[in-house]
N, C-alpha and C. Protein backbone atom coordinates (compact mmCIF):
# COMPACT_ATOMS: atom_id res chain seq x y z
N MET A 1 31.02 17.43 -31.78
CA MET A 1 30.72 16.08 -31.17
C MET A 1 30.87 16.11 -29.80
N ARG A 2 31.64 16.89 -29.33
CA ARG A 2 31.90 16.98 -27.87
C ARG A 2 30.80 17.75 -27.03
N THR A 3 30.16 18.59 -27.65
CA THR A 3 28.82 19.11 -27.10
C THR A 3 27.82 18.24 -27.13
N LEU A 4 27.61 17.43 -28.24
CA LEU A 4 26.62 16.29 -28.22
C LEU A 4 26.88 15.34 -27.17
N THR A 5 28.14 14.67 -26.75
CA THR A 5 28.60 13.96 -25.73
C THR A 5 28.21 14.52 -24.52
N ILE A 6 28.51 15.81 -24.29
CA ILE A 6 28.40 16.46 -22.93
C ILE A 6 26.71 16.41 -22.68
N THR A 7 25.84 16.96 -23.81
CA THR A 7 24.47 17.01 -23.72
C THR A 7 23.75 15.45 -23.33
N LEU A 8 24.30 14.36 -23.98
CA LEU A 8 23.85 13.18 -23.81
C LEU A 8 23.94 12.66 -22.12
N VAL A 9 25.23 13.00 -21.87
CA VAL A 9 25.73 12.61 -20.33
C VAL A 9 25.01 13.27 -19.38
N LEU A 10 24.69 14.51 -19.57
CA LEU A 10 24.07 15.64 -18.60
C LEU A 10 22.25 14.95 -18.66
N ALA A 11 21.91 14.60 -19.96
CA ALA A 11 20.62 14.06 -20.06
C ALA A 11 20.37 12.61 -19.48
N SER A 12 21.28 11.66 -19.40
CA SER A 12 21.22 10.59 -18.66
C SER A 12 21.35 10.73 -17.21
N GLY A 13 22.24 11.69 -16.69
CA GLY A 13 22.24 11.98 -15.43
C GLY A 13 20.89 12.40 -14.93
N LEU A 14 20.04 13.21 -15.58
CA LEU A 14 18.79 13.81 -15.01
C LEU A 14 17.82 12.65 -15.08
N LEU A 15 17.75 11.88 -16.32
CA LEU A 15 17.04 10.67 -16.35
C LEU A 15 17.16 9.73 -15.02
N LEU A 16 18.40 9.59 -14.70
CA LEU A 16 18.51 8.51 -13.77
C LEU A 16 18.23 9.15 -12.33
N SER A 17 18.54 10.32 -12.07
CA SER A 17 18.21 10.80 -10.87
C SER A 17 16.80 10.94 -10.68
N THR A 18 15.94 11.25 -11.77
CA THR A 18 14.47 11.41 -11.93
C THR A 18 13.94 9.81 -11.45
N LEU A 19 14.42 8.84 -12.09
CA LEU A 19 14.00 7.57 -11.67
C LEU A 19 14.26 6.88 -10.23
N ALA A 20 15.45 7.38 -9.79
CA ALA A 20 15.94 7.25 -8.45
C ALA A 20 15.05 7.66 -7.41
N GLN A 21 14.32 8.76 -7.98
CA GLN A 21 13.56 9.60 -6.78
C GLN A 21 11.76 9.12 -6.82
N ALA A 22 11.75 8.11 -7.81
CA ALA A 22 10.39 7.54 -7.85
C ALA A 22 10.03 6.76 -6.57
N HIS A 23 8.94 7.23 -6.08
CA HIS A 23 8.24 6.53 -4.70
C HIS A 23 7.16 5.92 -5.25
N PRO A 24 6.83 4.73 -4.55
CA PRO A 24 5.50 4.29 -4.85
C PRO A 24 4.29 5.17 -4.24
N LYS A 25 3.05 5.21 -4.85
CA LYS A 25 1.95 5.88 -4.55
C LYS A 25 0.91 4.85 -4.32
N LEU A 26 0.15 4.99 -3.49
CA LEU A 26 -1.23 4.15 -3.54
C LEU A 26 -2.25 4.88 -4.52
N LEU A 27 -2.62 3.92 -5.57
CA LEU A 27 -3.41 4.62 -6.47
C LEU A 27 -4.88 4.26 -6.20
N SER A 28 -5.03 2.96 -5.62
CA SER A 28 -6.37 2.56 -5.41
C SER A 28 -6.57 1.42 -4.16
N SER A 29 -7.65 1.43 -3.77
CA SER A 29 -7.69 0.34 -2.97
C SER A 29 -9.11 -0.49 -3.03
N THR A 30 -9.26 -1.72 -2.48
CA THR A 30 -10.46 -2.37 -2.52
C THR A 30 -10.55 -3.04 -1.29
N PRO A 31 -11.41 -2.69 -0.39
CA PRO A 31 -12.53 -1.66 -0.54
C PRO A 31 -11.78 -0.13 -0.56
N ALA A 32 -12.53 0.76 -1.11
CA ALA A 32 -11.92 1.94 -1.20
C ALA A 32 -11.94 2.68 -0.05
N GLU A 33 -11.01 3.72 0.13
CA GLU A 33 -10.94 4.87 1.39
C GLU A 33 -12.44 5.16 1.41
N GLY A 34 -12.78 5.10 2.81
CA GLY A 34 -13.98 5.56 3.41
C GLY A 34 -15.30 5.08 2.78
N THR A 35 -15.30 3.68 2.36
CA THR A 35 -16.47 3.02 1.96
C THR A 35 -17.07 2.40 3.25
N ASP A 36 -18.27 2.05 3.08
CA ASP A 36 -19.14 1.28 4.08
C ASP A 36 -19.79 0.12 3.33
N GLY A 37 -19.50 -1.17 3.68
CA GLY A 37 -20.01 -2.27 3.12
C GLY A 37 -19.85 -3.52 3.67
N ALA A 38 -20.28 -4.60 3.03
CA ALA A 38 -19.96 -6.00 3.45
C ALA A 38 -18.39 -6.27 4.00
N ALA A 39 -18.17 -7.21 4.69
CA ALA A 39 -16.80 -7.80 5.05
C ALA A 39 -16.19 -8.03 3.79
N PRO A 40 -14.87 -7.58 3.43
CA PRO A 40 -14.21 -8.09 2.35
C PRO A 40 -13.36 -9.43 2.72
N GLY A 41 -13.39 -10.35 1.67
CA GLY A 41 -12.80 -11.29 1.94
C GLY A 41 -10.96 -11.29 1.90
N LYS A 42 -10.79 -10.16 1.12
CA LYS A 42 -9.38 -9.86 0.91
C LYS A 42 -9.58 -8.17 0.63
N ILE A 43 -8.36 -7.49 0.87
CA ILE A 43 -7.98 -6.14 0.76
C ILE A 43 -6.98 -5.88 -0.10
N GLU A 44 -7.22 -5.23 -1.29
CA GLU A 44 -6.32 -5.00 -2.48
C GLU A 44 -5.79 -3.63 -2.37
N LEU A 45 -4.47 -3.37 -2.36
CA LEU A 45 -3.78 -2.12 -2.52
C LEU A 45 -2.99 -2.36 -3.73
N HIS A 46 -3.35 -0.94 -4.65
CA HIS A 46 -2.94 -0.99 -5.92
C HIS A 46 -1.71 0.22 -5.93
N PHE A 47 -0.41 -0.03 -6.01
CA PHE A 47 0.51 1.12 -6.19
C PHE A 47 1.18 1.50 -7.34
N SER A 48 1.87 2.62 -7.65
CA SER A 48 2.27 3.20 -8.93
C SER A 48 3.57 2.36 -9.37
N GLU A 49 4.27 1.80 -8.51
CA GLU A 49 5.65 1.13 -8.55
C GLU A 49 5.53 -0.38 -8.26
N ASN A 50 6.41 -1.08 -8.92
CA ASN A 50 6.53 -2.68 -8.39
C ASN A 50 7.01 -2.46 -7.14
N LEU A 51 6.45 -3.45 -6.11
CA LEU A 51 6.94 -3.36 -4.68
C LEU A 51 8.02 -4.36 -4.52
N LEU A 52 9.02 -4.15 -3.34
CA LEU A 52 9.71 -5.24 -3.04
C LEU A 52 9.03 -5.76 -1.93
N ALA A 53 8.34 -6.90 -2.22
CA ALA A 53 7.64 -7.80 -1.17
C ALA A 53 8.23 -7.95 0.22
N ARG A 54 9.46 -8.20 -0.04
CA ARG A 54 10.38 -8.51 1.33
C ARG A 54 10.36 -7.42 2.20
N PHE A 55 10.40 -6.25 1.89
CA PHE A 55 10.31 -4.91 2.62
C PHE A 55 9.06 -4.20 2.69
N SER A 56 8.08 -4.65 2.19
CA SER A 56 6.65 -3.96 2.10
C SER A 56 5.79 -4.81 2.98
N GLY A 57 4.80 -4.21 3.50
CA GLY A 57 3.96 -4.83 4.45
C GLY A 57 2.71 -4.16 5.07
N ALA A 58 1.83 -4.62 5.53
CA ALA A 58 0.69 -3.95 6.31
C ALA A 58 0.39 -4.56 7.43
N LYS A 59 -0.44 -3.78 8.24
CA LYS A 59 -1.27 -4.38 9.39
C LYS A 59 -2.82 -3.95 9.25
N LEU A 60 -3.66 -4.86 9.71
CA LEU A 60 -5.17 -4.63 9.70
C LEU A 60 -5.62 -4.33 11.23
N VAL A 61 -6.15 -3.17 11.37
CA VAL A 61 -6.57 -2.77 12.76
C VAL A 61 -7.89 -2.54 12.65
N MET A 62 -8.78 -3.07 13.85
CA MET A 62 -10.13 -2.68 13.95
C MET A 62 -9.99 -1.35 14.83
N THR A 63 -10.69 -0.36 14.49
CA THR A 63 -10.54 1.03 15.21
C THR A 63 -11.69 1.37 15.98
N GLU A 64 -12.79 0.58 15.56
CA GLU A 64 -13.99 0.99 16.21
C GLU A 64 -15.31 -0.04 16.00
N MET A 65 -15.83 -0.40 17.07
CA MET A 65 -16.96 -1.53 17.02
C MET A 65 -18.06 -0.86 17.52
N PRO A 66 -19.29 -1.22 16.87
CA PRO A 66 -20.51 -0.40 17.32
C PRO A 66 -20.74 -1.10 18.77
N GLY A 67 -21.22 0.01 19.40
CA GLY A 67 -21.57 -0.22 20.80
C GLY A 67 -20.74 -0.32 21.98
N MET A 68 -19.34 -0.33 21.49
CA MET A 68 -18.27 -0.58 22.38
C MET A 68 -17.15 0.40 22.13
N ALA A 69 -16.61 0.75 23.26
CA ALA A 69 -15.55 1.39 23.33
C ALA A 69 -14.36 0.93 23.51
N HIS A 70 -13.18 0.83 22.85
CA HIS A 70 -12.10 -0.06 22.98
C HIS A 70 -10.91 0.54 22.06
N SER A 71 -9.68 0.21 22.48
CA SER A 71 -8.43 0.62 21.86
C SER A 71 -8.39 0.16 20.40
N PRO A 72 -7.69 0.45 19.54
CA PRO A 72 -7.52 -0.28 18.32
C PRO A 72 -6.88 -1.76 18.54
N MET A 73 -7.70 -2.69 17.71
CA MET A 73 -7.35 -4.14 17.93
C MET A 73 -6.74 -4.71 16.67
N PRO A 74 -5.52 -5.04 16.86
CA PRO A 74 -4.94 -5.74 15.62
C PRO A 74 -5.76 -7.16 15.16
N MET A 75 -5.93 -7.10 13.84
CA MET A 75 -6.75 -8.31 13.37
C MET A 75 -5.72 -9.34 12.82
N LYS A 76 -5.85 -10.48 12.72
CA LYS A 76 -5.10 -11.43 12.13
C LYS A 76 -5.24 -11.45 10.69
N ALA A 77 -4.18 -11.31 9.87
CA ALA A 77 -4.50 -11.34 8.51
C ALA A 77 -3.08 -11.66 7.93
N ARG A 78 -3.32 -12.20 6.47
CA ARG A 78 -1.93 -12.74 5.84
C ARG A 78 -1.68 -11.44 4.85
N ILE A 79 -0.59 -11.19 4.91
CA ILE A 79 0.00 -10.20 3.66
C ILE A 79 0.76 -10.81 2.78
N SER A 80 0.47 -10.47 1.40
CA SER A 80 1.06 -11.15 0.32
C SER A 80 1.14 -10.24 -0.97
N ALA A 81 1.87 -10.66 -1.72
CA ALA A 81 2.14 -9.87 -3.16
C ALA A 81 0.93 -10.41 -4.05
N GLY A 82 0.58 -9.54 -4.87
CA GLY A 82 -0.56 -9.90 -5.82
C GLY A 82 -0.01 -10.49 -6.98
N SER A 83 -0.75 -10.85 -8.08
CA SER A 83 0.13 -11.36 -9.33
C SER A 83 0.57 -10.28 -10.09
N ASP A 84 0.03 -9.12 -9.66
CA ASP A 84 0.64 -7.94 -10.30
C ASP A 84 1.88 -7.36 -9.33
N PRO A 85 2.95 -7.18 -9.61
CA PRO A 85 4.12 -6.62 -8.61
C PRO A 85 3.69 -5.24 -8.04
N LYS A 86 2.81 -4.62 -8.37
CA LYS A 86 2.28 -3.35 -8.02
C LYS A 86 1.22 -3.44 -6.86
N THR A 87 0.74 -4.79 -6.50
CA THR A 87 -0.42 -5.23 -5.77
C THR A 87 0.08 -5.60 -4.45
N MET A 88 -0.53 -5.25 -3.39
CA MET A 88 -0.46 -6.12 -1.96
C MET A 88 -1.86 -6.36 -1.47
N LEU A 89 -1.98 -7.56 -1.22
CA LEU A 89 -2.98 -8.46 -0.78
C LEU A 89 -3.16 -8.41 0.96
N VAL A 90 -4.19 -8.05 1.49
CA VAL A 90 -4.38 -8.25 2.94
C VAL A 90 -5.51 -9.15 2.97
N THR A 91 -5.23 -10.53 3.45
CA THR A 91 -6.34 -11.34 3.74
C THR A 91 -6.36 -11.76 5.19
N PRO A 92 -7.75 -11.16 5.53
CA PRO A 92 -8.04 -11.59 7.05
C PRO A 92 -8.19 -12.97 7.22
N LEU A 93 -7.60 -13.51 8.20
CA LEU A 93 -7.61 -14.89 8.68
C LEU A 93 -9.06 -15.44 9.08
N ASP A 94 -10.05 -14.41 9.70
CA ASP A 94 -11.13 -14.84 10.18
C ASP A 94 -12.21 -13.57 9.36
N PRO A 95 -13.41 -14.00 9.50
CA PRO A 95 -14.48 -12.89 8.87
C PRO A 95 -14.44 -11.81 9.79
N LEU A 96 -14.50 -10.47 9.32
CA LEU A 96 -14.36 -9.25 9.71
C LEU A 96 -15.94 -8.82 10.41
N PRO A 97 -16.03 -8.80 11.76
CA PRO A 97 -17.21 -8.40 12.19
C PRO A 97 -17.53 -6.85 12.12
N ALA A 98 -18.71 -6.44 12.08
CA ALA A 98 -19.03 -5.06 11.90
C ALA A 98 -18.18 -3.95 12.76
N GLY A 99 -17.61 -2.95 12.11
CA GLY A 99 -16.91 -2.06 12.71
C GLY A 99 -16.08 -1.49 11.65
N THR A 100 -15.15 -0.46 12.18
CA THR A 100 -14.09 0.42 11.30
C THR A 100 -12.86 -0.11 11.58
N TYR A 101 -12.44 -0.30 10.24
CA TYR A 101 -10.90 -0.76 10.08
C TYR A 101 -10.02 0.22 9.50
N LYS A 102 -8.73 -0.16 9.47
CA LYS A 102 -7.66 0.85 9.15
C LYS A 102 -6.68 -0.41 8.63
N VAL A 103 -6.09 -0.16 7.48
CA VAL A 103 -4.98 -0.94 7.02
C VAL A 103 -3.93 0.00 6.77
N GLU A 104 -2.97 -0.05 7.68
CA GLU A 104 -1.54 0.40 7.82
C GLU A 104 -0.74 -0.10 7.05
N TRP A 105 -0.25 0.56 5.91
CA TRP A 105 0.72 -0.15 4.77
C TRP A 105 2.14 0.58 4.78
N ARG A 106 2.97 -0.20 4.38
CA ARG A 106 4.36 0.40 4.11
C ARG A 106 4.79 -0.32 2.94
N ALA A 107 5.05 0.63 1.97
CA ALA A 107 5.60 0.19 0.52
C ALA A 107 6.97 0.61 0.15
N VAL A 108 7.70 -0.21 -0.32
CA VAL A 108 9.18 -0.01 -0.59
C VAL A 108 9.37 -0.76 -1.99
N SER A 109 9.70 0.38 -2.95
CA SER A 109 10.01 0.02 -4.53
C SER A 109 11.54 -0.05 -4.52
N SER A 110 12.06 -0.21 -5.89
CA SER A 110 13.33 -0.13 -6.28
C SER A 110 14.24 0.92 -5.68
N ASP A 111 13.64 2.00 -5.22
CA ASP A 111 14.41 3.13 -4.62
C ASP A 111 14.97 2.80 -3.31
N THR A 112 14.06 1.98 -2.66
CA THR A 112 14.41 1.54 -1.34
C THR A 112 13.92 2.51 -0.19
N HIS A 113 13.34 3.52 -0.49
CA HIS A 113 12.86 4.22 0.27
C HIS A 113 11.19 3.86 0.92
N PRO A 114 11.16 3.71 2.27
CA PRO A 114 9.70 3.25 2.64
C PRO A 114 8.71 4.39 2.41
N ILE A 115 7.78 4.20 2.07
CA ILE A 115 6.52 4.94 2.00
C ILE A 115 5.33 4.30 2.73
N THR A 116 4.78 5.10 3.67
CA THR A 116 3.60 4.60 4.68
C THR A 116 2.43 5.41 4.20
N GLY A 117 1.26 4.67 4.70
CA GLY A 117 -0.05 5.47 4.55
C GLY A 117 -1.23 4.43 5.27
N ASN A 118 -2.27 4.77 5.05
CA ASN A 118 -3.44 4.00 5.56
C ASN A 118 -4.58 3.98 4.87
N VAL A 119 -5.40 3.16 4.79
CA VAL A 119 -6.84 3.23 4.17
C VAL A 119 -7.87 2.78 5.36
N THR A 120 -8.80 3.51 5.31
CA THR A 120 -9.99 3.33 6.33
C THR A 120 -11.37 2.81 5.68
N PHE A 121 -11.81 1.82 6.11
CA PHE A 121 -13.26 1.47 5.65
C PHE A 121 -14.31 0.76 6.77
N LYS A 122 -15.44 0.91 6.52
CA LYS A 122 -16.27 0.24 7.67
C LYS A 122 -16.99 -1.09 6.92
N VAL A 123 -17.25 -1.90 8.02
CA VAL A 123 -18.03 -3.18 7.81
C VAL A 123 -19.25 -3.14 8.49
N GLN A 124 -20.31 -3.37 7.67
CA GLN A 124 -21.73 -3.34 8.16
C GLN A 124 -22.11 -4.68 8.82
């Protein structure tokens, strides 16, 4: 009986430490990384874990404009949680002109460790 109790305690500790180390990973985005197409009305980021919306966020930046050299330019966008707690929405407040864009995101899940990344796409 004692061996069984020790085994259960060790297994529980291993399970809890594995869960505590789960970090959100970006599974997909719309538009997808590297795509070239029409201006999206919203950008969806789909993660592997439920996000803590209060601590997660994103910035939308225009990094290139056809025919013009310029520094990266922040674009006004509303950042919100999707109906699925694993989804973050980036909604531009104005239509996006032709150019290259980067969404710089920060995702925080229940383990409270921030994970960052970005998605780049082009608008024609």
